[in-house]
Amino acid sequence: MDIILAAVSDAFTWQALLAIVIGTWAGIIIGGLPGLGSVVGLTIFLPFTFGMSTITSMALLIGVYCGSVYGGSITAILINTPGTPQSAATTFDGYPMTQQGRVDEALGWATFASFFGGILSCVILIFCAPQLAKFAVNFGSIEVFALICLAMMCIVGVSKGSVMKGLVCGMVGFFLSMVGSDPITGADRFTFGSYALSSGLTLIPVVVGAFALSEIFMRFATRDDPSAKIPEANLRFPKFGEWFKRLVELVRGSLIGSFIGALPGTGAAAAAFISYATAQKLSPRRHRLGKGEPDGIIASESSNNAVTGSSFIPTLALGIPGDVVTAMMMGAMVIHGITPGVRLMVDQAQTVYSLFVVLIIVNVAMLILSKPSIGLFRYLFRLHQGYIMAAIVIFSFIGAATVRGNPLDLVVAVLTGILAYALRRADYPMAPLVIGMVLGPELESSLRRGLLIKRGDFLEFFTHSGISMVLFSLLALFIVWTVWSSIAQQRQASTASRHAESNSAK
């Protein structure tokens, strides 16, 4: 108990609280600017932490991290342009709500779901970190492959209209993820003799092109349409009765994000898509998803923000960073004298509990700062739409170029934007393309490693372990459910058409 009180005292110093406010607000703004994100934000602020104390420096970086994940939802809702890849799924229902004049409601749900998911993941992190870390260790290559196969079914789940169009876009995304070096042999693939392509394509330029630039093209094509104007935005939190009615969706999305975040090599973007696909199957209002339903925003935002807490589980307990963001956080910890690993809870328990408290304070600060942050964006969007679109293009290019400093990423963003514009005009969904890009590398590498383990016998994947058997069984049930649902919808459509024909004949 003394350790916990000391940890609370460390987290509530004026230096740590000031760092939380600055970091969280800066993270929200950076996350809301298309093309930028958590990595860019942490890169900017990491040098400023070298002269700070351990807790203050981590408070600043955690604030930037959590704030940036939430900030991406603001522009995703307002202008159909996710500030970060984690918020790509938020556009599916957030932007339709904006078009329907429900922008205040959409922003309120995104903010509350982000807060709820972040707080719940903190609670899980505090009480279940050692146990979840031990369970995550059981996920080898084959188990990860089974999990990603289940996640790839999101292509079917988030495809509106033609399933074939969704699969085509998913395969395009998967192909883009294969450009570069082979993960096993190191041989170049689809580089066409270009050395710049040997390092592969990163997610941010593709997301920038698929969402930000294609949206610019779409808005330019419909510049005289009143619906293309950026609306005035305020923030309206859901009432108690409203969020209590959707409590199951909030908890489910948060638990999915917490689970995915605890697995090394996944991330918030994958968690958001998996959660959204799950909502399309389990939500009682699933028939309205994709048409401006708050459940879609809840599924995306609660899960991607839940990752912020649970992603520290493998980092702190095992010393294994789950993605680039947690790798940077781990590097900052080492610089400031925190040594992640199995001995951390024993040797530096007070510091760990201080980080837990900081995570909770950051989520509360994010809730408080959401309204003035949205007010700032509202002020910016009052400018002439041409200036706004130009600024989005500039920030998108900055975000695409600064990820790794490769000028080719600008070309990739532009070409992806042109391709996405053509696909959107033909009613092809962009979500499967991003899903294929997000999950493709880990799917391939886990499959290749699994085949090496099983000496090329793929059938042994299904009986490798109890976890893999459960995941493959869930995958089979998911496929059967999807096929049955499609057949049932076709039957309902044919029945309705027959009724309409009979009524017209009368």
Protein backbone atom coordinates (compact mmCIF):
# COMPACT_ATOMS: atom_id res chain seq x y z
CA MET A 1 0.00 0.00 0.00
CA ASP A 2 2.89 2.34 0.78
CA ILE A 3 4.26 1.76 -2.72
CA ILE A 4 0.92 2.69 -4.30
CA LEU A 5 0.64 5.89 -2.24
CA ALA A 6 4.19 6.82 -3.17
CA ALA A 7 3.40 6.15 -6.84
CA VAL A 8 0.33 8.38 -6.68
CA SER A 9 2.45 11.10 -5.06
CA ASP A 10 5.02 10.84 -7.87
CA ALA A 11 2.35 11.11 -10.57
CA PHE A 12 0.63 14.13 -8.99
CA THR A 13 3.60 16.48 -8.95
CA TRP A 14 3.07 19.78 -10.75
CA GLN A 15 5.79 18.90 -13.26
CA ALA A 16 4.14 15.60 -14.19
CA LEU A 17 0.65 17.15 -14.39
CA LEU A 18 1.93 20.00 -16.59
CA ALA A 19 3.68 17.46 -18.83
CA ILE A 20 0.43 15.48 -19.10
CA VAL A 21 -1.57 18.57 -20.14
CA ILE A 22 1.02 19.70 -22.70
CA GLY A 23 1.60 16.21 -24.07
CA THR A 24 -2.07 15.28 -24.31
CA TRP A 25 -3.14 18.50 -25.99
CA ALA A 26 -0.22 18.41 -28.41
CA GLY A 27 -1.01 14.75 -29.13
CA ILE A 28 -4.65 15.56 -29.95
CA ILE A 29 -3.60 18.30 -32.38
CA ILE A 30 -0.88 16.16 -34.00
CA GLY A 31 -3.24 13.19 -34.26
CA GLY A 32 -5.90 15.37 -35.87
CA LEU A 33 -3.58 16.60 -38.62
CA PRO A 34 -3.83 14.13 -41.53
CA GLY A 35 -0.68 12.18 -42.20
CA LEU A 36 0.89 12.79 -38.82
CA GLY A 37 0.43 10.46 -35.87
CA SER A 38 1.84 8.90 -32.75
CA VAL A 39 5.27 8.16 -34.20
CA VAL A 40 5.76 11.69 -35.50
CA GLY A 41 4.50 13.16 -32.23
CA LEU A 42 6.82 11.04 -30.11
CA THR A 43 9.73 11.82 -32.43
CA ILE A 44 9.13 15.55 -31.93
CA PHE A 45 8.83 15.40 -28.14
CA LEU A 46 11.39 12.71 -27.28
CA PRO A 47 14.41 15.09 -27.31
CA PHE A 48 12.65 17.41 -24.83
CA THR A 49 12.54 14.63 -22.20
CA PHE A 50 16.30 14.24 -21.77
CA GLY A 51 16.51 16.86 -19.03
CA MET A 52 13.34 15.73 -17.22
CA SER A 53 12.81 13.32 -14.38
CA THR A 54 11.70 9.77 -15.16
CA ILE A 55 8.00 10.16 -14.34
CA THR A 56 7.70 13.63 -15.91
CA SER A 57 9.30 12.49 -19.16
CA MET A 58 7.09 9.40 -19.39
CA ALA A 59 4.02 11.52 -18.56
CA LEU A 60 4.81 13.78 -21.52
CA LEU A 61 5.31 10.89 -23.95
CA ILE A 62 2.28 8.91 -22.74
CA GLY A 63 0.17 12.07 -23.12
CA VAL A 64 1.35 12.50 -26.71
CA TYR A 65 0.70 8.82 -27.44
CA CYS A 66 -2.83 8.62 -26.03
CA GLY A 67 -3.81 12.07 -27.29
CA SER A 68 -2.69 11.32 -30.85
CA VAL A 69 -4.73 8.11 -31.02
CA TYR A 70 -7.86 10.01 -30.02
CA GLY A 71 -7.09 13.10 -32.13
CA GLY A 72 -7.25 11.12 -35.37
CA SER A 73 -10.99 10.64 -34.89
CA ILE A 74 -11.74 14.39 -35.12
CA THR A 75 -10.81 14.84 -38.77
CA ALA A 76 -12.07 11.32 -39.55
CA ILE A 77 -15.53 12.49 -38.51
CA LEU A 78 -15.40 16.05 -39.85
CA ILE A 79 -13.82 15.60 -43.28
CA ASN A 80 -13.63 11.82 -43.81
CA THR A 81 -9.86 12.01 -43.42
CA PRO A 82 -8.42 9.97 -40.52
CA GLY A 83 -5.62 11.83 -38.81
CA THR A 84 -4.01 8.49 -37.96
CA PRO A 85 -4.36 4.97 -39.42
CA GLN A 86 -5.95 3.90 -36.13
CA SER A 87 -8.96 6.09 -36.90
CA ALA A 88 -9.59 4.80 -40.42
CA ALA A 89 -12.51 2.64 -39.25
CA THR A 90 -14.08 5.69 -37.54
CA THR A 91 -14.82 7.20 -40.95
CA PHE A 92 -17.30 4.42 -41.79
CA ASP A 93 -19.99 5.81 -39.50
CA GLY A 94 -18.49 9.07 -38.26
CA TYR A 95 -18.54 10.86 -41.59
CA PRO A 96 -22.07 9.68 -42.54
CA MET A 97 -23.27 11.13 -39.21
CA THR A 98 -21.62 14.42 -40.15
CA GLN A 99 -23.39 14.38 -43.52
CA GLN A 100 -26.66 13.82 -41.67
CA GLY A 101 -26.10 16.89 -39.49
CA ARG A 102 -25.19 14.80 -36.41
CA VAL A 103 -21.56 15.89 -36.14
CA ASP A 104 -21.90 16.95 -32.47
CA GLU A 105 -23.26 13.51 -31.56
CA ALA A 106 -20.53 11.73 -33.53
CA LEU A 107 -17.74 13.69 -31.82
CA GLY A 108 -19.34 13.07 -28.43
CA TRP A 109 -19.48 9.32 -28.97
CA ALA A 110 -15.90 9.24 -30.27
CA THR A 111 -14.65 11.17 -27.23
CA PHE A 112 -16.58 9.13 -24.68
CA ALA A 113 -15.70 5.79 -26.30
CA SER A 114 -12.02 6.79 -26.39
CA PHE A 115 -12.13 7.70 -22.70
CA PHE A 116 -13.99 4.52 -21.77
CA GLY A 117 -11.64 2.27 -23.72
CA GLY A 118 -8.55 3.99 -22.34
CA ILE A 119 -9.71 3.75 -18.71
CA LEU A 120 -10.79 0.11 -19.00
CA SER A 121 -7.45 -0.85 -20.56
CA CYS A 122 -5.69 0.89 -17.66
CA VAL A 123 -7.70 -1.17 -15.18
CA ILE A 124 -6.85 -4.35 -17.08
CA LEU A 125 -3.21 -3.31 -17.21
CA ILE A 126 -3.07 -2.75 -13.44
CA PHE A 127 -4.75 -5.98 -12.36
CA CYS A 128 -3.97 -8.40 -15.17
CA ALA A 129 -0.59 -7.40 -16.63
CA PRO A 130 1.40 -10.40 -15.33
CA GLN A 131 -1.30 -12.92 -16.27
CA LEU A 132 -1.94 -11.42 -19.73
CA ALA A 133 1.78 -11.27 -20.40
CA LYS A 134 2.11 -14.99 -19.63
CA PHE A 135 -0.84 -15.74 -21.94
CA ALA A 136 0.56 -13.57 -24.74
CA VAL A 137 3.79 -15.59 -24.64
CA ASN A 138 1.76 -18.63 -25.82
CA PHE A 139 1.06 -16.89 -29.14
CA GLY A 140 3.65 -18.22 -31.51
CA SER A 141 3.76 -17.86 -35.28
CA ILE A 142 0.95 -20.34 -35.93
CA GLU A 143 -1.36 -18.81 -33.32
CA VAL A 144 -0.71 -15.33 -34.68
CA PHE A 145 -1.45 -16.60 -38.20
CA ALA A 146 -4.78 -18.03 -37.05
CA LEU A 147 -5.65 -14.77 -35.30
CA ILE A 148 -4.83 -12.71 -38.38
CA CYS A 149 -6.83 -15.05 -40.63
CA LEU A 150 -9.77 -14.35 -38.35
CA ALA A 151 -9.03 -10.64 -38.62
CA MET A 152 -8.81 -10.83 -42.42
CA MET A 153 -12.44 -11.78 -42.44
CA CYS A 154 -12.94 -8.12 -41.66
CA ILE A 155 -12.67 -7.65 -45.42
CA VAL A 156 -15.99 -9.40 -45.76
CA GLY A 157 -17.42 -7.73 -42.67
CA VAL A 158 -16.67 -4.13 -43.63
CA SER A 159 -17.42 -4.51 -47.33
CA LYS A 160 -20.56 -2.60 -48.16
CA GLY A 161 -22.47 -3.86 -51.16
CA SER A 162 -20.51 -6.32 -53.27
CA VAL A 163 -18.35 -8.72 -51.28
CA MET A 164 -16.26 -9.28 -54.41
CA LYS A 165 -15.36 -5.58 -54.54
CA GLY A 166 -14.27 -5.77 -50.91
CA LEU A 167 -12.10 -8.80 -51.61
CA VAL A 168 -10.53 -7.10 -54.64
CA CYS A 169 -9.56 -4.07 -52.55
CA GLY A 170 -8.30 -6.36 -49.79
CA MET A 171 -6.05 -8.17 -52.24
CA VAL A 172 -4.77 -4.83 -53.56
CA GLY A 173 -3.81 -3.86 -50.00
CA PHE A 174 -2.18 -7.24 -49.43
CA PHE A 175 -0.18 -6.86 -52.67
CA LEU A 176 1.04 -3.42 -51.58
CA SER A 177 2.22 -4.93 -48.28
CA MET A 178 4.34 -7.47 -50.21
CA VAL A 179 6.40 -4.84 -52.03
CA GLY A 180 9.99 -4.87 -50.81
CA SER A 181 12.21 -7.49 -49.24
CA ASP A 182 11.06 -11.04 -48.54
CA PRO A 183 10.69 -11.42 -44.72
CA ILE A 184 12.46 -14.80 -44.74
CA THR A 185 14.97 -14.81 -47.61
CA GLY A 186 15.55 -11.05 -47.96
CA ALA A 187 15.06 -11.19 -51.74
CA ASP A 188 13.48 -8.15 -53.43
CA ARG A 189 9.90 -8.51 -54.64
CA PHE A 190 7.87 -6.24 -56.93
CA THR A 191 10.57 -3.56 -56.79
CA PHE A 192 10.96 -3.36 -60.59
CA GLY A 193 14.67 -2.78 -60.18
CA SER A 194 14.17 0.29 -57.94
CA TYR A 195 16.42 0.42 -54.89
CA ALA A 196 14.00 2.85 -53.19
CA LEU A 197 11.29 0.17 -53.23
CA SER A 198 13.47 -2.48 -51.59
CA SER A 199 12.50 -1.19 -48.14
CA GLY A 200 8.82 -1.71 -48.98
CA LEU A 201 5.80 0.55 -48.57
CA THR A 202 4.76 1.94 -45.19
CA LEU A 203 1.21 2.29 -44.01
CA ILE A 204 1.00 6.06 -43.53
CA PRO A 205 1.57 7.06 -47.22
CA VAL A 206 -1.02 4.48 -48.30
CA VAL A 207 -3.54 5.71 -45.71
CA VAL A 208 -2.81 9.32 -46.67
CA GLY A 209 -3.50 8.51 -50.31
CA ALA A 210 -6.49 6.23 -49.74
CA PHE A 211 -8.33 8.62 -47.43
CA ALA A 212 -6.88 12.13 -47.35
CA LEU A 213 -5.91 12.68 -51.00
CA SER A 214 -8.83 10.72 -52.45
CA GLU A 215 -11.16 12.80 -50.27
CA ILE A 216 -9.55 15.97 -51.64
CA PHE A 217 -10.17 14.71 -55.18
CA MET A 218 -13.76 13.82 -54.31
CA ARG A 219 -14.39 17.23 -52.75
CA PHE A 220 -12.86 18.99 -55.74
CA ALA A 221 -15.14 17.02 -58.03
CA THR A 222 -18.19 17.97 -55.89
CA ARG A 223 -17.01 21.46 -54.87
CA ASP A 224 -20.34 23.02 -55.83
CA ASP A 225 -22.32 20.47 -53.79
CA PRO A 226 -23.56 21.96 -50.44
CA SER A 227 -23.05 18.57 -48.73
CA ALA A 228 -19.31 18.85 -49.41
CA LYS A 229 -18.98 21.87 -47.09
CA ILE A 230 -17.27 21.35 -43.74
CA PRO A 231 -19.90 21.75 -41.01
CA GLU A 232 -19.74 23.71 -37.79
CA ALA A 233 -18.74 21.31 -35.04
CA ASN A 234 -19.37 21.24 -31.32
CA LEU A 235 -19.13 18.46 -28.79
CA ARG A 236 -22.16 16.78 -27.22
CA PHE A 237 -21.49 13.95 -24.81
CA PRO A 238 -24.04 11.14 -24.76
CA LYS A 239 -26.44 11.11 -21.84
CA PHE A 240 -26.35 8.36 -19.23
CA GLY A 241 -29.27 6.51 -20.76
CA GLU A 242 -27.67 6.63 -24.23
CA TRP A 243 -24.31 5.21 -23.26
CA PHE A 244 -25.84 2.70 -20.84
CA LYS A 245 -27.92 1.35 -23.75
CA ARG A 246 -24.67 0.79 -25.63
CA LEU A 247 -22.63 -0.40 -22.64
CA VAL A 248 -22.17 -3.86 -24.17
CA GLU A 249 -20.65 -2.34 -27.32
CA LEU A 250 -18.36 -0.14 -25.22
CA VAL A 251 -17.12 -3.05 -23.12
CA ARG A 252 -16.76 -5.40 -26.11
CA GLY A 253 -14.72 -2.90 -28.12
CA SER A 254 -12.52 -2.11 -25.14
CA LEU A 255 -11.88 -5.78 -24.38
CA ILE A 256 -11.01 -6.51 -28.02
CA GLY A 257 -8.57 -3.59 -28.05
CA SER A 258 -7.06 -4.66 -24.73
CA PHE A 259 -6.54 -8.21 -26.00
CA ILE A 260 -5.11 -7.19 -29.37
CA GLY A 261 -2.86 -4.59 -27.75
CA ALA A 262 -1.35 -7.21 -25.45
CA LEU A 263 -0.16 -9.25 -28.47
CA PRO A 264 3.19 -8.11 -29.87
CA GLY A 265 3.16 -7.16 -33.54
CA THR A 266 -0.47 -6.14 -33.89
CA GLY A 267 -1.53 -2.58 -33.10
CA ALA A 268 -4.41 -0.14 -32.77
CA ALA A 269 -5.36 -0.12 -36.47
CA ALA A 270 -5.85 -3.89 -36.53
CA ALA A 271 -7.79 -3.73 -33.25
CA ALA A 272 -10.15 -1.08 -34.65
CA PHE A 273 -10.95 -3.10 -37.77
CA ILE A 274 -11.42 -6.35 -35.84
CA SER A 275 -13.70 -4.60 -33.37
CA TYR A 276 -15.72 -3.00 -36.18
CA ALA A 277 -16.16 -6.33 -37.95
CA THR A 278 -17.28 -7.90 -34.67
CA ALA A 279 -19.84 -5.14 -34.21
CA GLN A 280 -21.19 -5.86 -37.69
CA LYS A 281 -21.94 -9.39 -36.54
CA LEU A 282 -23.01 -8.88 -32.92
CA SER A 283 -24.43 -5.38 -32.58
CA PRO A 284 -28.24 -5.29 -32.24
CA ARG A 285 -28.13 -2.27 -34.59
CA ARG A 286 -25.75 -3.90 -37.09
CA HIS A 287 -28.10 -3.28 -40.03
CA ARG A 288 -27.43 0.46 -39.61
CA LEU A 289 -23.63 0.23 -39.46
CA GLY A 290 -21.97 2.13 -42.25
CA LYS A 291 -24.95 4.49 -42.49
CA GLY A 292 -24.23 6.72 -39.49
CA GLU A 293 -24.62 4.43 -36.47
CA PRO A 294 -22.85 5.33 -33.18
CA ASP A 295 -22.06 1.64 -32.58
CA GLY A 296 -19.52 1.85 -35.43
CA ILE A 297 -17.74 4.79 -33.79
CA ILE A 298 -17.86 3.04 -30.43
CA ALA A 299 -16.35 -0.15 -31.87
CA SER A 300 -13.48 1.71 -33.51
CA GLU A 301 -12.63 4.31 -30.88
CA SER A 302 -13.03 2.18 -27.75
CA SER A 303 -10.77 -0.52 -29.20
CA ASN A 304 -7.98 1.66 -30.63
CA ASN A 305 -7.74 3.66 -27.41
CA ALA A 306 -7.81 0.49 -25.31
CA VAL A 307 -4.64 -0.54 -27.12
CA THR A 308 -2.77 2.41 -25.57
CA GLY A 309 -2.93 0.81 -22.14
CA SER A 310 -2.65 -2.88 -22.97
CA SER A 311 0.26 -2.33 -25.40
CA PHE A 312 2.40 -1.69 -22.32
CA ILE A 313 1.77 -5.24 -21.08
CA PRO A 314 4.37 -7.01 -23.26
CA THR A 315 6.60 -3.92 -23.11
CA LEU A 316 6.74 -3.69 -19.32
CA ALA A 317 6.32 -7.34 -18.34
CA LEU A 318 8.42 -8.99 -21.07
CA GLY A 319 10.54 -6.21 -22.54
CA ILE A 320 8.98 -6.89 -25.95
CA PRO A 321 7.64 -3.79 -27.75
CA GLY A 322 4.48 -4.52 -29.71
CA ASP A 323 4.94 -1.88 -32.42
CA VAL A 324 6.99 1.16 -33.42
CA VAL A 325 5.27 3.39 -30.85
CA THR A 326 5.91 1.10 -27.89
CA ALA A 327 9.45 0.51 -29.16
CA MET A 328 10.05 4.27 -28.93
CA MET A 329 8.45 4.32 -25.48
CA MET A 330 10.67 1.43 -24.41
CA GLY A 331 13.74 3.29 -25.67
CA ALA A 332 12.70 6.34 -23.64
CA MET A 333 12.25 4.14 -20.57
CA VAL A 334 15.74 2.69 -20.92
CA ILE A 335 17.20 6.20 -21.33
CA HIS A 336 15.53 7.26 -18.08
CA GLY A 337 16.62 4.24 -16.08
CA ILE A 338 13.59 1.96 -16.44
CA THR A 339 14.53 -1.56 -17.51
CA PRO A 340 11.48 -3.41 -18.90
CA GLY A 341 11.36 -7.16 -18.37
CA VAL A 342 10.29 -9.88 -15.98
CA ARG A 343 12.12 -8.26 -13.03
CA LEU A 344 10.54 -4.83 -13.49
CA MET A 345 7.58 -5.36 -11.14
CA VAL A 346 9.98 -6.55 -8.45
CA ASP A 347 12.86 -4.11 -8.84
CA GLN A 348 10.96 -0.92 -9.81
CA ALA A 349 7.42 -1.47 -8.56
CA GLN A 350 6.90 2.15 -7.52
CA THR A 351 7.86 3.44 -10.96
CA VAL A 352 5.52 0.96 -12.67
CA TYR A 353 2.57 1.96 -10.51
CA SER A 354 3.38 5.62 -11.18
CA LEU A 355 3.10 4.90 -14.91
CA PHE A 356 -0.28 3.24 -14.30
CA VAL A 357 -1.51 6.35 -12.48
CA VAL A 358 -0.17 8.57 -15.26
CA LEU A 359 -2.11 6.56 -17.85
CA ILE A 360 -5.34 7.12 -15.92
CA ILE A 361 -4.68 10.86 -15.53
CA VAL A 362 -3.87 11.17 -19.24
CA ASN A 363 -7.25 9.68 -20.21
CA VAL A 364 -9.03 12.07 -17.86
CA ALA A 365 -7.03 14.98 -19.31
CA MET A 366 -7.96 13.83 -22.82
CA LEU A 367 -11.65 13.98 -21.87
CA ILE A 368 -11.27 17.49 -20.42
CA LEU A 369 -9.17 18.83 -23.32
CA SER A 370 -11.39 17.37 -26.04
CA LYS A 371 -13.79 20.32 -26.12
CA PRO A 372 -11.17 23.10 -26.50
CA SER A 373 -9.31 20.95 -29.05
CA ILE A 374 -12.43 20.51 -31.17
CA GLY A 375 -13.02 24.26 -30.76
CA LEU A 376 -9.58 24.87 -32.26
CA PHE A 377 -10.36 22.65 -35.23
CA ARG A 378 -13.72 24.39 -35.60
CA TYR A 379 -11.89 27.72 -35.82
CA LEU A 380 -9.51 26.36 -38.45
CA PHE A 381 -12.36 24.93 -40.51
CA ARG A 382 -14.06 28.33 -40.67
CA LEU A 383 -11.42 29.34 -43.15
CA HIS A 384 -12.11 29.11 -46.86
CA GLN A 385 -12.46 25.47 -47.89
CA GLY A 386 -9.73 25.86 -50.51
CA TYR A 387 -7.25 26.90 -47.82
CA ILE A 388 -8.32 23.97 -45.65
CA MET A 389 -7.90 21.46 -48.45
CA ALA A 390 -4.50 22.93 -49.31
CA ALA A 391 -3.44 22.65 -45.66
CA ILE A 392 -4.63 19.03 -45.54
CA VAL A 393 -2.57 18.25 -48.64
CA ILE A 394 0.51 19.95 -47.14
CA PHE A 395 0.23 18.17 -43.79
CA SER A 396 -0.51 14.89 -45.56
CA PHE A 397 2.66 15.23 -47.60
CA ILE A 398 4.64 16.19 -44.49
CA GLY A 399 3.28 13.16 -42.65
CA ALA A 400 4.01 10.84 -45.56
CA ALA A 401 7.55 12.16 -46.03
CA THR A 402 8.66 12.34 -42.40
CA VAL A 403 7.92 8.72 -41.50
CA ARG A 404 11.23 7.51 -42.89
CA GLY A 405 12.50 10.38 -45.04
CA ASN A 406 12.00 8.52 -48.31
CA PRO A 407 10.83 10.85 -51.15
CA LEU A 408 9.23 7.83 -52.81
CA ASP A 409 6.56 7.87 -50.10
CA LEU A 410 5.19 11.10 -51.62
CA VAL A 411 4.84 9.36 -54.99
CA VAL A 412 3.17 6.39 -53.30
CA ALA A 413 0.70 8.70 -51.53
CA VAL A 414 -0.24 10.48 -54.77
CA LEU A 415 -0.58 7.28 -56.82
CA THR A 416 -2.61 5.63 -54.04
CA GLY A 417 -4.82 8.72 -53.90
CA ILE A 418 -5.51 8.56 -57.65
CA LEU A 419 -6.20 4.82 -57.46
CA ALA A 420 -8.46 5.27 -54.41
CA TYR A 421 -10.37 8.08 -56.14
CA ALA A 422 -11.05 5.85 -59.16
CA LEU A 423 -12.11 2.97 -56.91
CA ARG A 424 -14.41 5.20 -54.82
CA ARG A 425 -16.08 6.50 -57.95
CA ALA A 426 -16.82 2.87 -58.84
CA ASP A 427 -18.20 2.21 -55.31
CA TYR A 428 -15.23 0.12 -54.16
CA PRO A 429 -14.71 0.31 -50.36
CA MET A 430 -11.38 1.63 -49.08
CA ALA A 431 -11.47 -0.17 -45.73
CA PRO A 432 -10.46 -3.60 -47.10
CA LEU A 433 -7.46 -2.03 -48.86
CA VAL A 434 -6.19 -0.63 -45.57
CA ILE A 435 -6.96 -3.91 -43.77
CA GLY A 436 -4.93 -5.86 -46.32
CA MET A 437 -2.07 -3.40 -45.94
CA VAL A 438 -2.19 -3.49 -42.11
CA LEU A 439 -2.46 -7.23 -41.66
CA GLY A 440 -0.59 -8.41 -44.76
CA PRO A 441 3.03 -8.31 -43.48
CA GLU A 442 2.33 -10.14 -40.23
CA LEU A 443 0.08 -12.66 -42.03
CA GLU A 444 2.83 -13.53 -44.48
CA SER A 445 5.67 -13.66 -41.96
CA SER A 446 3.70 -15.76 -39.47
CA LEU A 447 2.66 -18.17 -42.25
CA ARG A 448 6.23 -18.52 -43.50
CA ARG A 449 7.62 -19.08 -40.00
CA GLY A 450 4.84 -21.58 -39.24
CA LEU A 451 5.62 -23.56 -42.39
CA LEU A 452 9.28 -23.68 -41.40
CA ILE A 453 8.31 -24.98 -37.95
CA LYS A 454 5.99 -27.65 -39.42
CA ARG A 455 8.36 -28.51 -42.30
CA GLY A 456 5.87 -27.38 -44.91
CA ASP A 457 2.86 -29.31 -43.56
CA PHE A 458 0.06 -26.75 -43.43
CA LEU A 459 -2.50 -29.23 -42.06
CA GLU A 460 -0.59 -29.41 -38.78
CA PHE A 461 -1.48 -25.75 -38.19
CA PHE A 462 -5.01 -26.80 -37.20
CA THR A 463 -3.82 -29.15 -34.43
CA HIS A 464 -0.71 -27.27 -33.32
CA SER A 465 -2.12 -26.08 -30.00
CA GLY A 466 -5.36 -25.54 -28.17
CA ILE A 467 -5.26 -21.81 -28.98
CA SER A 468 -4.83 -22.42 -32.70
CA MET A 469 -7.65 -25.00 -32.70
CA VAL A 470 -10.00 -22.52 -31.01
CA LEU A 471 -9.06 -19.69 -33.39
CA PHE A 472 -9.45 -21.83 -36.53
CA SER A 473 -12.79 -23.10 -35.21
CA LEU A 474 -13.95 -19.51 -34.69
CA LEU A 475 -12.78 -18.72 -38.22
CA ALA A 476 -14.85 -21.59 -39.62
CA LEU A 477 -17.91 -20.46 -37.66
CA PHE A 478 -17.35 -16.88 -38.86
CA ILE A 479 -17.26 -18.03 -42.49
CA VAL A 480 -20.40 -20.13 -42.09
CA TRP A 481 -22.17 -17.26 -40.34
CA THR A 482 -21.18 -14.82 -43.08
CA VAL A 483 -22.36 -17.15 -45.87
CA TRP A 484 -25.63 -17.88 -44.07
CA SER A 485 -26.23 -14.17 -43.45
CA SER A 486 -25.61 -13.39 -47.14
CA ILE A 487 -28.03 -16.09 -48.25
CA ALA A 488 -30.65 -14.88 -45.77
CA GLN A 489 -30.29 -11.29 -47.01
CA GLN A 490 -30.65 -12.41 -50.62
CA ARG A 491 -33.79 -14.36 -49.75
CA GLN A 492 -35.25 -11.35 -47.95
CA ALA A 493 -34.44 -9.13 -50.91
CA SER A 494 -36.05 -11.55 -53.39
CA THR A 495 -39.13 -11.93 -51.17
CA ALA A 496 -39.47 -8.16 -50.90
CA SER A 497 -39.18 -7.77 -54.67
CA ARG A 498 -41.84 -10.43 -55.25
CA HIS A 499 -44.17 -8.67 -52.82
CA ALA A 500 -43.55 -5.38 -54.58
CA GLU A 501 -44.30 -6.92 -57.97
CA SER A 502 -47.51 -8.52 -56.71
CA ASN A 503 -48.64 -5.24 -55.16
CA SER A 504 -47.94 -3.35 -58.35
CA ALA A 505 -49.86 -5.97 -60.37
CA LYS A 506 -52.89 -5.43 -58.15
